Structure formats: C-alpha cells, structure tokens
PDB file of N, CA and C in Angstrom:
ATOM      1  N   MET A   1      -9.210  37.059 -12.848  1.00  0.00           N
ATOM      2  CA  MET A   1      -9.002  35.859 -12.063  1.00  0.00           C
ATOM      3  C   MET A   1      -7.650  35.244 -12.426  1.00  0.00           C
ATOM      4  N   VAL A   2      -6.966  34.739 -11.429  1.00  0.00           N
ATOM      5  CA  VAL A   2      -5.634  34.171 -11.611  1.00  0.00           C
ATOM      6  C   VAL A   2      -5.759  32.690 -11.935  1.00  0.00           C
ATOM      7  N   ARG A   3      -4.990  32.233 -12.905  1.00  0.00           N
ATOM      8  CA  ARG A   3      -4.960  30.804 -13.225  1.00  0.00           C
ATOM      9  C   ARG A   3      -4.020  30.101 -12.269  1.00  0.00           C
ATOM     10  N   GLN A   4      -4.327  28.837 -11.983  1.00  0.00           N
ATOM     11  CA  GLN A   4      -3.419  28.039 -11.163  1.00  0.00           C
ATOM     12  C   GLN A   4      -2.687  27.061 -12.062  1.00  0.00           C
ATOM     13  N   LEU A   5      -1.405  26.919 -11.811  1.00  0.00           N
ATOM     14  CA  LEU A   5      -0.599  25.969 -12.570  1.00  0.00           C
ATOM     15  C   LEU A   5      -0.873  24.567 -12.060  1.00  0.00           C
ATOM     16  N   GLU A   6      -1.059  23.634 -12.981  1.00  0.00           N
ATOM     17  CA  GLU A   6      -1.313  22.256 -12.574  1.00  0.00           C
ATOM     18  C   GLU A   6      -0.020  21.494 -12.357  1.00  0.00           C
ATOM     19  N   THR A   7       0.972  21.774 -13.165  1.00  0.00           N
ATOM     20  CA  THR A   7       2.262  21.105 -12.998  1.00  0.00           C
ATOM     21  C   THR A   7       3.358  22.158 -12.895  1.00  0.00           C
ATOM     22  N   TYR A   8       4.279  21.909 -12.019  1.00  0.00           N
ATOM     23  CA  TYR A   8       5.400  22.813 -11.814  1.00  0.00           C
ATOM     24  C   TYR A   8       6.486  22.044 -11.088  1.00  0.00           C
ATOM     25  N   SER A   9       7.691  22.575 -11.144  1.00  0.00           N
ATOM     26  CA  SER A   9       8.798  21.942 -10.435  1.00  0.00           C
ATOM     27  C   SER A   9       9.211  22.827  -9.266  1.00  0.00           C
ATOM     28  N   ASN A  10       9.913  22.241  -8.325  1.00  0.00           N
ATOM     29  CA  ASN A  10      10.414  22.999  -7.178  1.00  0.00           C
ATOM     30  C   ASN A  10      11.361  24.104  -7.627  1.00  0.00           C
ATOM     31  N   VAL A  11      12.112  23.838  -8.680  1.00  0.00           N
ATOM     32  CA  VAL A  11      13.064  24.832  -9.175  1.00  0.00           C
ATOM     33  C   VAL A  11      12.314  26.050  -9.716  1.00  0.00           C
ATOM     34  N   GLU A  12      11.184  25.824 -10.389  1.00  0.00           N
ATOM     35  CA  GLU A  12      10.383  26.947 -10.884  1.00  0.00           C
ATOM     36  C   GLU A  12       9.867  27.803  -9.732  1.00  0.00           C
ATOM     37  N   VAL A  13       9.375  27.155  -8.693  1.00  0.00           N
ATOM     38  CA  VAL A  13       8.849  27.884  -7.536  1.00  0.00           C
ATOM     39  C   VAL A  13       9.969  28.676  -6.870  1.00  0.00           C
ATOM     40  N   ARG A  14      11.127  28.049  -6.705  1.00  0.00           N
ATOM     41  CA  ARG A  14      12.260  28.742  -6.085  1.00  0.00           C
ATOM     42  C   ARG A  14      12.725  29.912  -6.953  1.00  0.00           C
ATOM     43  N   GLY A  15      12.644  29.737  -8.269  1.00  0.00           N
ATOM     44  CA  GLY A  15      12.991  30.830  -9.170  1.00  0.00           C
ATOM     45  C   GLY A  15      12.041  32.007  -9.002  1.00  0.00           C
ATOM     46  N   THR A  16      10.759  31.707  -8.838  1.00  0.00           N
ATOM     47  CA  THR A  16       9.777  32.762  -8.588  1.00  0.00           C
ATOM     48  C   THR A  16      10.065  33.457  -7.266  1.00  0.00           C
ATOM     49  N   VAL A  17      10.392  32.673  -6.236  1.00  0.00           N
ATOM     50  CA  VAL A  17      10.723  33.244  -4.928  1.00  0.00           C
ATOM     51  C   VAL A  17      11.936  34.157  -5.064  1.00  0.00           C
ATOM     52  N   ARG A  18      12.937  33.709  -5.774  1.00  0.00           N
ATOM     53  CA  ARG A  18      14.159  34.515  -5.927  1.00  0.00           C
ATOM     54  C   ARG A  18      13.877  35.800  -6.695  1.00  0.00           C
ATOM     55  N   PHE A  19      13.079  35.685  -7.757  1.00  0.00           N
ATOM     56  CA  PHE A  19      12.727  36.865  -8.551  1.00  0.00           C
ATOM     57  C   PHE A  19      12.014  37.904  -7.686  1.00  0.00           C
ATOM     58  N   LEU A  20      11.034  37.454  -6.908  1.00  0.00           N
ATOM     59  CA  LEU A  20      10.281  38.379  -6.057  1.00  0.00           C
ATOM     60  C   LEU A  20      11.145  38.899  -4.911  1.00  0.00           C
ATOM     61  N   TRP A  21      12.074  38.069  -4.433  1.00  0.00           N
ATOM     62  CA  TRP A  21      12.995  38.507  -3.376  1.00  0.00           C
ATOM     63  C   TRP A  21      13.894  39.630  -3.894  1.00  0.00           C
ATOM     64  N   VAL A  22      14.366  39.487  -5.142  1.00  0.00           N
ATOM     65  CA  VAL A  22      15.212  40.518  -5.747  1.00  0.00           C
ATOM     66  C   VAL A  22      14.429  41.829  -5.880  1.00  0.00           C
ATOM     67  N   LYS A  23      13.129  41.725  -6.143  1.00  0.00           N
ATOM     68  CA  LYS A  23      12.286  42.920  -6.262  1.00  0.00           C
ATOM     69  C   LYS A  23      11.878  43.460  -4.892  1.00  0.00           C
ATOM     70  N   ARG A  24      12.461  42.888  -3.830  1.00  0.00           N
ATOM     71  CA  ARG A  24      12.263  43.326  -2.447  1.00  0.00           C
ATOM     72  C   ARG A  24      10.835  43.127  -1.934  1.00  0.00           C
ATOM     73  N   PHE A  25      10.194  42.034  -2.369  1.00  0.00           N
ATOM     74  CA  PHE A  25       8.896  41.672  -1.819  1.00  0.00           C
ATOM     75  C   PHE A  25       9.116  41.064  -0.441  1.00  0.00           C
ATOM     76  N   ALA A  26       8.188  41.269   0.464  1.00  0.00           N
ATOM     77  CA  ALA A  26       8.250  40.625   1.780  1.00  0.00           C
ATOM     78  C   ALA A  26       7.834  39.167   1.627  1.00  0.00           C
ATOM     79  N   SER A  27       8.222  38.334   2.585  1.00  0.00           N
ATOM     80  CA  SER A  27       7.921  36.897   2.477  1.00  0.00           C
ATOM     81  C   SER A  27       6.418  36.634   2.414  1.00  0.00           C
ATOM     82  N   THR A  28       5.607  37.451   3.100  1.00  0.00           N
ATOM     83  CA  THR A  28       4.151  37.259   3.031  1.00  0.00           C
ATOM     84  C   THR A  28       3.634  37.597   1.642  1.00  0.00           C
ATOM     85  N   GLU A  29       4.174  38.630   1.038  1.00  0.00           N
ATOM     86  CA  GLU A  29       3.763  38.984  -0.321  1.00  0.00           C
ATOM     87  C   GLU A  29       4.201  37.914  -1.314  1.00  0.00           C
ATOM     88  N   ILE A  30       5.393  37.382  -1.108  1.00  0.00           N
ATOM     89  CA  ILE A  30       5.882  36.304  -1.979  1.00  0.00           C
ATOM     90  C   ILE A  30       4.963  35.097  -1.852  1.00  0.00           C
ATOM     91  N   HIS A  31       4.575  34.758  -0.632  1.00  0.00           N
ATOM     92  CA  HIS A  31       3.673  33.618  -0.408  1.00  0.00           C
ATOM     93  C   HIS A  31       2.346  33.846  -1.121  1.00  0.00           C
ATOM     94  N   ARG A  32       1.840  35.060  -1.075  1.00  0.00           N
ATOM     95  CA  ARG A  32       0.580  35.386  -1.745  1.00  0.00           C
ATOM     96  C   ARG A  32       0.740  35.238  -3.262  1.00  0.00           C
ATOM     97  N   GLU A  33       1.849  35.699  -3.806  1.00  0.00           N
ATOM     98  CA  GLU A  33       2.084  35.618  -5.251  1.00  0.00           C
ATOM     99  C   GLU A  33       2.289  34.174  -5.712  1.00  0.00           C
ATOM    100  N   ILE A  34       2.843  33.363  -4.864  1.00  0.00           N
ATOM    101  CA  ILE A  34       3.129  31.972  -5.233  1.00  0.00           C
ATOM    102  C   ILE A  34       1.863  31.122  -5.249  1.00  0.00           C
ATOM    103  N   SER A  35       0.763  31.662  -4.826  1.00  0.00           N
ATOM    104  CA  SER A  35      -0.481  30.891  -4.788  1.00  0.00           C
ATOM    105  C   SER A  35      -0.882  30.369  -6.169  1.00  0.00           C
ATOM    106  N   VAL A  36      -0.310  30.916  -7.247  1.00  0.00           N
ATOM    107  CA  VAL A  36      -0.615  30.398  -8.585  1.00  0.00           C
ATOM    108  C   VAL A  36      -0.080  28.981  -8.762  1.00  0.00           C
ATOM    109  N   HIS A  37       0.854  28.588  -7.926  1.00  0.00           N
ATOM    110  CA  HIS A  37       1.401  27.235  -8.011  1.00  0.00           C
ATOM    111  C   HIS A  37       0.529  26.224  -7.281  1.00  0.00           C
ATOM    112  N   GLY A  38      -0.552  26.660  -6.695  1.00  0.00           N
ATOM    113  CA  GLY A  38      -1.463  25.752  -6.005  1.00  0.00           C
ATOM    114  C   GLY A  38      -1.266  25.801  -4.504  1.00  0.00           C
ATOM    115  N   PRO A  39      -2.142  25.135  -3.777  1.00  0.00           N
ATOM    116  CA  PRO A  39      -2.100  25.211  -2.312  1.00  0.00           C
ATOM    117  C   PRO A  39      -0.902  24.506  -1.680  1.00  0.00           C
ATOM    118  N   TYR A  40      -0.232  23.633  -2.406  1.00  0.00           N
ATOM    119  CA  TYR A  40       0.869  22.863  -1.828  1.00  0.00           C
ATOM    120  C   TYR A  40       2.228  23.307  -2.361  1.00  0.00           C
ATOM    121  N   ALA A  41       2.295  24.478  -2.963  1.00  0.00           N
ATOM    122  CA  ALA A  41       3.527  24.914  -3.619  1.00  0.00           C
ATOM    123  C   ALA A  41       4.677  25.078  -2.636  1.00  0.00           C
ATOM    124  N   MET A  42       4.567  26.005  -1.697  1.00  0.00           N
ATOM    125  CA  MET A  42       5.638  26.222  -0.728  1.00  0.00           C
ATOM    126  C   MET A  42       5.030  26.949   0.464  1.00  0.00           C
ATOM    127  N   SER A  43       5.387  26.502   1.635  1.00  0.00           N
ATOM    128  CA  SER A  43       4.853  27.123   2.847  1.00  0.00           C
ATOM    129  C   SER A  43       5.563  28.446   3.120  1.00  0.00           C
ATOM    130  N   ARG A  44       4.950  29.270   3.938  1.00  0.00           N
ATOM    131  CA  ARG A  44       5.555  30.555   4.282  1.00  0.00           C
ATOM    132  C   ARG A  44       6.889  30.376   5.004  1.00  0.00           C
ATOM    133  N   PRO A  45       6.997  29.436   5.984  1.00  0.00           N
ATOM    134  CA  PRO A  45       8.313  29.232   6.609  1.00  0.00           C
ATOM    135  C   PRO A  45       9.393  28.793   5.612  1.00  0.00           C
ATOM    136  N   ALA A  46       9.012  28.008   4.611  1.00  0.00           N
ATOM    137  CA  ALA A  46       9.984  27.595   3.595  1.00  0.00           C
ATOM    138  C   ALA A  46      10.420  28.800   2.762  1.00  0.00           C
ATOM    139  N   ILE A  47       9.484  29.690   2.482  1.00  0.00           N
ATOM    140  CA  ILE A  47       9.824  30.906   1.732  1.00  0.00           C
ATOM    141  C   ILE A  47      10.788  31.762   2.538  1.00  0.00           C
ATOM    142  N   VAL A  48      10.534  31.890   3.841  1.00  0.00           N
ATOM    143  CA  VAL A  48      11.432  32.658   4.712  1.00  0.00           C
ATOM    144  C   VAL A  48      12.827  32.041   4.688  1.00  0.00           C
ATOM    145  N   LYS A  49      12.888  30.696   4.752  1.00  0.00           N
ATOM    146  CA  LYS A  49      14.186  30.004   4.732  1.00  0.00           C
ATOM    147  C   LYS A  49      14.932  30.279   3.425  1.00  0.00           C
ATOM    148  N   TRP A  50      14.224  30.182   2.289  1.00  0.00           N
ATOM    149  CA  TRP A  50      14.870  30.418   1.000  1.00  0.00           C
ATOM    150  C   TRP A  50      15.298  31.875   0.857  1.00  0.00           C
ATOM    151  N   CYS A  51      14.476  32.811   1.322  1.00  0.00           N
ATOM    152  CA  CYS A  51      14.861  34.232   1.264  1.00  0.00           C
ATOM    153  C   CYS A  51      16.127  34.471   2.083  1.00  0.00           C
ATOM    154  N   GLN A  52      16.219  33.823   3.240  1.00  0.00           N
ATOM    155  CA  GLN A  52      17.411  33.965   4.078  1.00  0.00           C
ATOM    156  C   GLN A  52      18.638  33.390   3.371  1.00  0.00           C
ATOM    157  N   GLN A  53      18.454  32.254   2.694  1.00  0.00           N
ATOM    158  CA  GLN A  53      19.574  31.658   1.962  1.00  0.00           C
ATOM    159  C   GLN A  53      20.013  32.558   0.805  1.00  0.00           C
ATOM    160  N   PHE A  54      19.048  33.186   0.113  1.00  0.00           N
ATOM    161  CA  PHE A  54      19.408  34.124  -0.957  1.00  0.00           C
ATOM    162  C   PHE A  54      20.134  35.331  -0.370  1.00  0.00           C
ATOM    163  N   GLU A  55      19.697  35.762   0.803  1.00  0.00           N
ATOM    164  CA  GLU A  55      20.346  36.879   1.501  1.00  0.00           C
ATOM    165  C   GLU A  55      21.796  36.533   1.838  1.00  0.00           C
ATOM    166  N   ASP A  56      22.027  35.251   2.176  1.00  0.00           N
ATOM    167  CA  ASP A  56      23.368  34.788   2.536  1.00  0.00           C
ATOM    168  C   ASP A  56      24.252  34.526   1.320  1.00  0.00           C
ATOM    169  N   GLY A  57      23.698  34.691   0.110  1.00  0.00           N
ATOM    170  CA  GLY A  57      24.510  34.555  -1.089  1.00  0.00           C
ATOM    171  C   GLY A  57      24.239  33.321  -1.927  1.00  0.00           C
ATOM    172  N   ARG A  58      23.256  32.528  -1.584  1.00  0.00           N
ATOM    173  CA  ARG A  58      22.959  31.335  -2.384  1.00  0.00           C
ATOM    174  C   ARG A  58      22.402  31.750  -3.738  1.00  0.00           C
ATOM    175  N   THR A  59      22.885  31.097  -4.793  1.00  0.00           N
ATOM    176  CA  THR A  59      22.393  31.374  -6.139  1.00  0.00           C
ATOM    177  C   THR A  59      21.779  30.142  -6.786  1.00  0.00           C
ATOM    178  N   ASP A  60      22.127  28.969  -6.296  1.00  0.00           N
ATOM    179  CA  ASP A  60      21.643  27.720  -6.870  1.00  0.00           C
ATOM    180  C   ASP A  60      20.214  27.445  -6.409  1.00  0.00           C
ATOM    181  N   LEU A  61      19.339  27.059  -7.337  1.00  0.00           N
ATOM    182  CA  LEU A  61      17.939  26.794  -7.010  1.00  0.00           C
ATOM    183  C   LEU A  61      17.650  25.311  -6.805  1.00  0.00           C
ATOM    184  N   THR A  62      18.616  24.463  -7.096  1.00  0.00           N
ATOM    185  CA  THR A  62      18.397  23.025  -6.945  1.00  0.00           C
ATOM    186  C   THR A  62      18.741  22.588  -5.527  1.00  0.00           C
ATOM    187  N   ASP A  63      18.274  21.401  -5.150  1.00  0.00           N
ATOM    188  CA  ASP A  63      18.562  20.868  -3.824  1.00  0.00           C
ATOM    189  C   ASP A  63      20.049  20.598  -3.679  1.00  0.00           C
ATOM    190  N   ALA A  64      20.554  20.844  -2.503  1.00  0.00           N
ATOM    191  CA  ALA A  64      21.960  20.557  -2.219  1.00  0.00           C
ATOM    192  C   ALA A  64      22.136  19.058  -2.029  1.00  0.00           C
ATOM    193  N   GLU A  65      23.317  18.562  -2.364  1.00  0.00           N
ATOM    194  CA  GLU A  65      23.621  17.153  -2.135  1.00  0.00           C
ATOM    195  C   GLU A  65      23.600  16.874  -0.642  1.00  0.00           C
ATOM    196  N   ARG A  66      23.074  15.737  -0.290  1.00  0.00           N
ATOM    197  CA  ARG A  66      22.999  15.377   1.120  1.00  0.00           C
ATOM    198  C   ARG A  66      23.955  14.242   1.399  1.00  0.00           C
ATOM    199  N   GLN A  67      24.552  14.291   2.575  1.00  0.00           N
ATOM    200  CA  GLN A  67      25.435  13.220   2.994  1.00  0.00           C
ATOM    201  C   GLN A  67      24.630  12.216   3.800  1.00  0.00           C
ATOM    202  N   GLY A  68      25.209  11.067   3.979  1.00  0.00           N
ATOM    203  CA  GLY A  68      24.561  10.083   4.825  1.00  0.00           C
ATOM    204  C   GLY A  68      24.504   8.730   4.167  1.00  0.00           C
ATOM    205  N   ARG A  69      23.829   7.870   4.830  1.00  0.00           N
ATOM    206  CA  ARG A  69      23.694   6.503   4.373  1.00  0.00           C
ATOM    207  C   ARG A  69      22.829   6.447   3.123  1.00  0.00           C
ATOM    208  N   PRO A  70      23.195   5.606   2.149  1.00  0.00           N
ATOM    209  CA  PRO A  70      22.360   5.483   0.962  1.00  0.00           C
ATOM    210  C   PRO A  70      20.987   4.918   1.330  1.00  0.00           C
ATOM    211  N   THR A  71      19.987   5.311   0.573  1.00  0.00           N
ATOM    212  CA  THR A  71      18.631   4.905   0.906  1.00  0.00           C
ATOM    213  C   THR A  71      18.350   3.444   0.571  1.00  0.00           C
ATOM    214  N   THR A  72      19.148   2.847  -0.268  1.00  0.00           N
ATOM    215  CA  THR A  72      18.868   1.471  -0.662  1.00  0.00           C
ATOM    216  C   THR A  72      20.161   0.673  -0.810  1.00  0.00           C
ATOM    217  N   VAL A  73      20.054  -0.616  -0.571  1.00  0.00           N
ATOM    218  CA  VAL A  73      21.201  -1.501  -0.775  1.00  0.00           C
ATOM    219  C   VAL A  73      20.970  -2.414  -1.965  1.00  0.00           C
ATOM    220  N   SER A  74      19.824  -2.278  -2.607  1.00  0.00           N
ATOM    221  CA  SER A  74      19.499  -3.190  -3.699  1.00  0.00           C
ATOM    222  C   SER A  74      20.083  -2.700  -5.024  1.00  0.00           C
ATOM    223  N   THR A  75      21.393  -2.535  -5.053  1.00  0.00           N
ATOM    224  CA  THR A  75      22.072  -2.181  -6.289  1.00  0.00           C
ATOM    225  C   THR A  75      22.210  -3.437  -7.140  1.00  0.00           C
ATOM    226  N   SER A  76      22.520  -3.259  -8.398  1.00  0.00           N
ATOM    227  CA  SER A  76      22.642  -4.420  -9.283  1.00  0.00           C
ATOM    228  C   SER A  76      23.758  -5.347  -8.813  1.00  0.00           C
ATOM    229  N   ASP A  77      24.821  -4.778  -8.240  1.00  0.00           N
ATOM    230  CA  ASP A  77      25.913  -5.593  -7.712  1.00  0.00           C
ATOM    231  C   ASP A  77      25.434  -6.443  -6.536  1.00  0.00           C
ATOM    232  N   MET A  78      24.675  -5.837  -5.631  1.00  0.00           N
ATOM    233  CA  MET A  78      24.181  -6.559  -4.458  1.00  0.00           C
ATOM    234  C   MET A  78      23.193  -7.653  -4.867  1.00  0.00           C
ATOM    235  N   VAL A  79      22.338  -7.356  -5.832  1.00  0.00           N
ATOM    236  CA  VAL A  79      21.376  -8.353  -6.316  1.00  0.00           C
ATOM    237  C   VAL A  79      22.125  -9.532  -6.927  1.00  0.00           C
ATOM    238  N   GLN A  80      23.171  -9.252  -7.707  1.00  0.00           N
ATOM    239  CA  GLN A  80      23.958 -10.318  -8.330  1.00  0.00           C
ATOM    240  C   GLN A  80      24.666 -11.164  -7.279  1.00  0.00           C
ATOM    241  N   ARG A  81      25.239 -10.520  -6.262  1.00  0.00           N
ATOM    242  CA  ARG A  81      25.919 -11.264  -5.198  1.00  0.00           C
ATOM    243  C   ARG A  81      24.937 -12.153  -4.444  1.00  0.00           C
ATOM    244  N   GLU A  82      23.737 -11.632  -4.191  1.00  0.00           N
ATOM    245  CA  GLU A  82      22.736 -12.431  -3.487  1.00  0.00           C
ATOM    246  C   GLU A  82      22.287 -13.616  -4.337  1.00  0.00           C
ATOM    247  N   GLU A  83      22.116 -13.393  -5.625  1.00  0.00           N
ATOM    248  CA  GLU A  83      21.718 -14.490  -6.503  1.00  0.00           C
ATOM    249  C   GLU A  83      22.811 -15.549  -6.575  1.00  0.00           C
ATOM    250  N   ASP A  84      24.075 -15.139  -6.588  1.00  0.00           N
ATOM    251  CA  ASP A  84      25.179 -16.096  -6.597  1.00  0.00           C
ATOM    252  C   ASP A  84      25.159 -16.969  -5.343  1.00  0.00           C
ATOM    253  N   ILE A  85      24.878 -16.364  -4.192  1.00  0.00           N
ATOM    254  CA  ILE A  85      24.803 -17.132  -2.944  1.00  0.00           C
ATOM    255  C   ILE A  85      23.666 -18.140  -3.019  1.00  0.00           C
ATOM    256  N   ILE A  86      22.523 -17.713  -3.527  1.00  0.00           N
ATOM    257  CA  ILE A  86      21.362 -18.606  -3.611  1.00  0.00           C
ATOM    258  C   ILE A  86      21.627 -19.741  -4.587  1.00  0.00           C
ATOM    259  N   LEU A  87      22.241 -19.445  -5.722  1.00  0.00           N
ATOM    260  CA  LEU A  87      22.502 -20.488  -6.710  1.00  0.00           C
ATOM    261  C   LEU A  87      23.565 -21.472  -6.235  1.00  0.00           C
ATOM    262  N   SER A  88      24.483 -21.021  -5.392  1.00  0.00           N
ATOM    263  CA  SER A  88      25.494 -21.944  -4.877  1.00  0.00           C
ATOM    264  C   SER A  88      24.927 -22.828  -3.766  1.00  0.00           C
ATOM    265  N   ASN A  89      23.909 -22.360  -3.081  1.00  0.00           N
ATOM    266  CA  ASN A  89      23.272 -23.140  -2.019  1.00  0.00           C
ATOM    267  C   ASN A  89      21.782 -22.824  -2.031  1.00  0.00           C
ATOM    268  N   ARG A  90      21.018 -23.690  -2.673  1.00  0.00           N
ATOM    269  CA  ARG A  90      19.580 -23.454  -2.816  1.00  0.00           C
ATOM    270  C   ARG A  90      18.844 -23.450  -1.482  1.00  0.00           C
ATOM    271  N   ARG A  91      19.452 -24.009  -0.447  1.00  0.00           N
ATOM    272  CA  ARG A  91      18.799 -24.065   0.863  1.00  0.00           C
ATOM    273  C   ARG A  91      19.248 -22.929   1.781  1.00  0.00           C
ATOM    274  N   ALA A  92      19.938 -21.962   1.221  1.00  0.00           N
ATOM    275  CA  ALA A  92      20.426 -20.837   2.024  1.00  0.00           C
ATOM    276  C   ALA A  92      19.251 -20.056   2.600  1.00  0.00           C
ATOM    277  N   ARG A  93      19.373 -19.700   3.856  1.00  0.00           N
ATOM    278  CA  ARG A  93      18.320 -18.930   4.516  1.00  0.00           C
ATOM    279  C   ARG A  93      18.596 -17.444   4.337  1.00  0.00           C
ATOM    280  N   VAL A  94      17.541 -16.684   4.401  1.00  0.00           N
ATOM    281  CA  VAL A  94      17.659 -15.241   4.210  1.00  0.00           C
ATOM    282  C   VAL A  94      18.574 -14.635   5.272  1.00  0.00           C
ATOM    283  N   ALA A  95      18.486 -15.115   6.496  1.00  0.00           N
ATOM    284  CA  ALA A  95      19.335 -14.595   7.575  1.00  0.00           C
ATOM    285  C   ALA A  95      20.811 -14.846   7.269  1.00  0.00           C
ATOM    286  N   HIS A  96      21.125 -16.022   6.713  1.00  0.00           N
ATOM    287  CA  HIS A  96      22.501 -16.346   6.340  1.00  0.00           C
ATOM    288  C   HIS A  96      22.976 -15.424   5.211  1.00  0.00           C
ATOM    289  N   ILE A  97      22.119 -15.215   4.223  1.00  0.00           N
ATOM    290  CA  ILE A  97      22.466 -14.338   3.100  1.00  0.00           C
ATOM    291  C   ILE A  97      22.732 -12.919   3.605  1.00  0.00           C
ATOM    292  N   ALA A  98      21.857 -12.448   4.488  1.00  0.00           N
ATOM    293  CA  ALA A  98      22.002 -11.094   5.033  1.00  0.00           C
ATOM    294  C   ALA A  98      23.308 -10.950   5.802  1.00  0.00           C
ATOM    295  N   GLN A  99      23.633 -11.961   6.597  1.00  0.00           N
ATOM    296  CA  GLN A  99      24.862 -11.908   7.387  1.00  0.00           C
ATOM    297  C   GLN A  99      26.085 -11.911   6.478  1.00  0.00           C
ATOM    298  N   GLU A 100      26.046 -12.724   5.448  1.00  0.00           N
ATOM    299  CA  GLU A 100      27.187 -12.824   4.540  1.00  0.00           C
ATOM    300  C   GLU A 100      27.402 -11.533   3.737  1.00  0.00           C
ATOM    301  N   LEU A 101      26.314 -10.858   3.388  1.00  0.00           N
ATOM    302  CA  LEU A 101      26.421  -9.631   2.599  1.00  0.00           C
ATOM    303  C   LEU A 101      26.536  -8.379   3.461  1.00  0.00           C
ATOM    304  N   GLY A 102      26.274  -8.520   4.751  1.00  0.00           N
ATOM    305  CA  GLY A 102      26.360  -7.370   5.646  1.00  0.00           C
ATOM    306  C   GLY A 102      25.191  -6.409   5.511  1.00  0.00           C
ATOM    307  N   ILE A 103      24.004  -6.955   5.219  1.00  0.00           N
ATOM    308  CA  ILE A 103      22.800  -6.127   5.113  1.00  0.00           C
ATOM    309  C   ILE A 103      21.750  -6.670   6.067  1.00  0.00           C
ATOM    310  N   SER A 104      20.663  -5.949   6.222  1.00  0.00           N
ATOM    311  CA  SER A 104      19.615  -6.402   7.134  1.00  0.00           C
ATOM    312  C   SER A 104      18.842  -7.567   6.522  1.00  0.00           C
ATOM    313  N   VAL A 105      18.195  -8.331   7.382  1.00  0.00           N
ATOM    314  CA  VAL A 105      17.387  -9.465   6.930  1.00  0.00           C
ATOM    315  C   VAL A 105      16.242  -8.959   6.054  1.00  0.00           C
ATOM    316  N   GLY A 106      15.648  -7.836   6.437  1.00  0.00           N
ATOM    317  CA  GLY A 106      14.555  -7.258   5.652  1.00  0.00           C
ATOM    318  C   GLY A 106      14.995  -6.872   4.251  1.00  0.00           C
ATOM    319  N   SER A 107      16.182  -6.287   4.140  1.00  0.00           N
ATOM    320  CA  SER A 107      16.699  -5.908   2.820  1.00  0.00           C
ATOM    321  C   SER A 107      16.998  -7.143   1.983  1.00  0.00           C
ATOM    322  N   ALA A 108      17.579  -8.159   2.610  1.00  0.00           N
ATOM    323  CA  ALA A 108      17.875  -9.401   1.889  1.00  0.00           C
ATOM    324  C   ALA A 108      16.585 -10.052   1.412  1.00  0.00           C
ATOM    325  N   HIS A 109      15.581 -10.080   2.270  1.00  0.00           N
ATOM    326  CA  HIS A 109      14.293 -10.676   1.906  1.00  0.00           C
ATOM    327  C   HIS A 109      13.640  -9.881   0.776  1.00  0.00           C
ATOM    328  N   SER A 110      13.733  -8.568   0.839  1.00  0.00           N
ATOM    329  CA  SER A 110      13.159  -7.714  -0.199  1.00  0.00           C
ATOM    330  C   SER A 110      13.813  -7.975  -1.553  1.00  0.00           C
ATOM    331  N   ILE A 111      15.129  -8.144  -1.566  1.00  0.00           N
ATOM    332  CA  ILE A 111      15.829  -8.430  -2.822  1.00  0.00           C
ATOM    333  C   ILE A 111      15.399  -9.783  -3.367  1.00  0.00           C
ATOM    334  N   VAL A 112      15.295 -10.780  -2.484  1.00  0.00           N
ATOM    335  CA  VAL A 112      14.892 -12.124  -2.922  1.00  0.00           C
ATOM    336  C   VAL A 112      13.503 -12.087  -3.546  1.00  0.00           C
ATOM    337  N   ARG A 113      12.575 -11.407  -2.901  1.00  0.00           N
ATOM    338  CA  ARG A 113      11.193 -11.413  -3.369  1.00  0.00           C
ATOM    339  C   ARG A 113      10.949 -10.447  -4.530  1.00  0.00           C
ATOM    340  N   ARG A 114      11.437  -9.226  -4.409  1.00  0.00           N
ATOM    341  CA  ARG A 114      11.083  -8.201  -5.396  1.00  0.00           C
ATOM    342  C   ARG A 114      12.023  -8.154  -6.597  1.00  0.00           C
ATOM    343  N   GLN A 115      13.315  -8.270  -6.338  1.00  0.00           N
ATOM    344  CA  GLN A 115      14.281  -8.144  -7.428  1.00  0.00           C
ATOM    345  C   GLN A 115      14.467  -9.469  -8.167  1.00  0.00           C
ATOM    346  N   LEU A 116      14.672 -10.535  -7.386  1.00  0.00           N
ATOM    347  CA  LEU A 116      14.942 -11.836  -7.996  1.00  0.00           C
ATOM    348  C   LEU A 116      13.672 -12.634  -8.261  1.00  0.00           C
ATOM    349  N   ASP A 117      12.584 -12.237  -7.644  1.00  0.00           N
ATOM    350  CA  ASP A 117      11.282 -12.894  -7.792  1.00  0.00           C
ATOM    351  C   ASP A 117      11.343 -14.375  -7.405  1.00  0.00           C
ATOM    352  N   TYR A 118      12.112 -14.682  -6.350  1.00  0.00           N
ATOM    353  CA  TYR A 118      12.170 -16.034  -5.811  1.00  0.00           C
ATOM    354  C   TYR A 118      11.145 -16.153  -4.692  1.00  0.00           C
ATOM    355  N   ARG A 119      10.630 -17.365  -4.520  1.00  0.00           N
ATOM    356  CA  ARG A 119       9.707 -17.615  -3.418  1.00  0.00           C
ATOM    357  C   ARG A 119       9.840 -19.059  -2.985  1.00  0.00           C
ATOM    358  N   LYS A 120       9.330 -19.340  -1.812  1.00  0.00           N
ATOM    359  CA  LYS A 120       9.379 -20.693  -1.284  1.00  0.00           C
ATOM    360  C   LYS A 120       8.349 -21.538  -2.036  1.00  0.00           C
ATOM    361  N   LEU A 121       8.780 -22.689  -2.547  1.00  0.00           N
ATOM    362  CA  LEU A 121       7.863 -23.541  -3.298  1.00  0.00           C
ATOM    363  C   LEU A 121       7.157 -24.546  -2.407  1.00  0.00           C
ATOM    364  N   CYS A 122       7.845 -25.030  -1.393  1.00  0.00           N
ATOM    365  CA  CYS A 122       7.198 -25.950  -0.469  1.00  0.00           C
ATOM    366  C   CYS A 122       7.879 -25.829   0.884  1.00  0.00           C
ATOM    367  N   SER A 123       7.159 -26.211   1.900  1.00  0.00           N
ATOM    368  CA  SER A 123       7.742 -26.173   3.234  1.00  0.00           C
ATOM    369  C   SER A 123       7.693 -27.567   3.818  1.00  0.00           C
ATOM    370  N   ARG A 124       8.487 -27.785   4.845  1.00  0.00           N
ATOM    371  CA  ARG A 124       8.536 -29.120   5.432  1.00  0.00           C
ATOM    372  C   ARG A 124       7.374 -29.395   6.317  1.00  0.00           C
TER     373      ARG A 124
END
C-alpha cells in the first residue's frame, strides 16, 4: 500500500513531475504516480502544461514573477500617510482620505479599521 504525504510544497510536486518526465513517463502515468501527494496535488492538465514547459527548456521549478498591479495598497508608508491625514484633521472623511492618497474608498476604510484600529466614537 502506498503512503500519502500530508504536507508537501508545489516545488516538490513539480520536481517529481520533472523527474518522471525525464524518465519519459506519459502525463497520465505521472498523474498516477503523483497520487502520493494526495487528491489535490496537481491536476492532469497542469501536469501536461508543466511537461510542455520542461520540453520547451524550462528548468526552474518555482513560480515565475508576475507583472501587474500590486495586490494591496496597505503598505507601512501608506498607513503612515493616512494616519498623518487623520491626525491633522480628526474630522476627515474616508472619501477625502482616499481621494488625497489616490486609493479606493474601500482600501482607505480598510486601513482605518484594520491597520490603525480607528472607529467612529459617536455620530451626530
């Protein structure tokens, strides 16, 4: 009986795929062998994609850097700038803060609540 691994990394799975690819296993055979990594290890189409990339000369097993917009604007610099705006004008509205910093209202509100832990104490 084959043991299943409880913890593994994507790099380990890709290394196994590459090893079996070098030994000229077909993608279906590789998928069958990878079952030791559990049911969610890697799909057959993903194995086909990685085998094709190895065929094209890829040697790196880690994820490639991706371009695009950063996933978050709540950097320490942005949090500090937002806190400075709030401390200079305690009645500043989130929409005003967002406009001044060039971020969305939702992001500004998230920084106020989650990062700075500020909340409204009373309303009119």
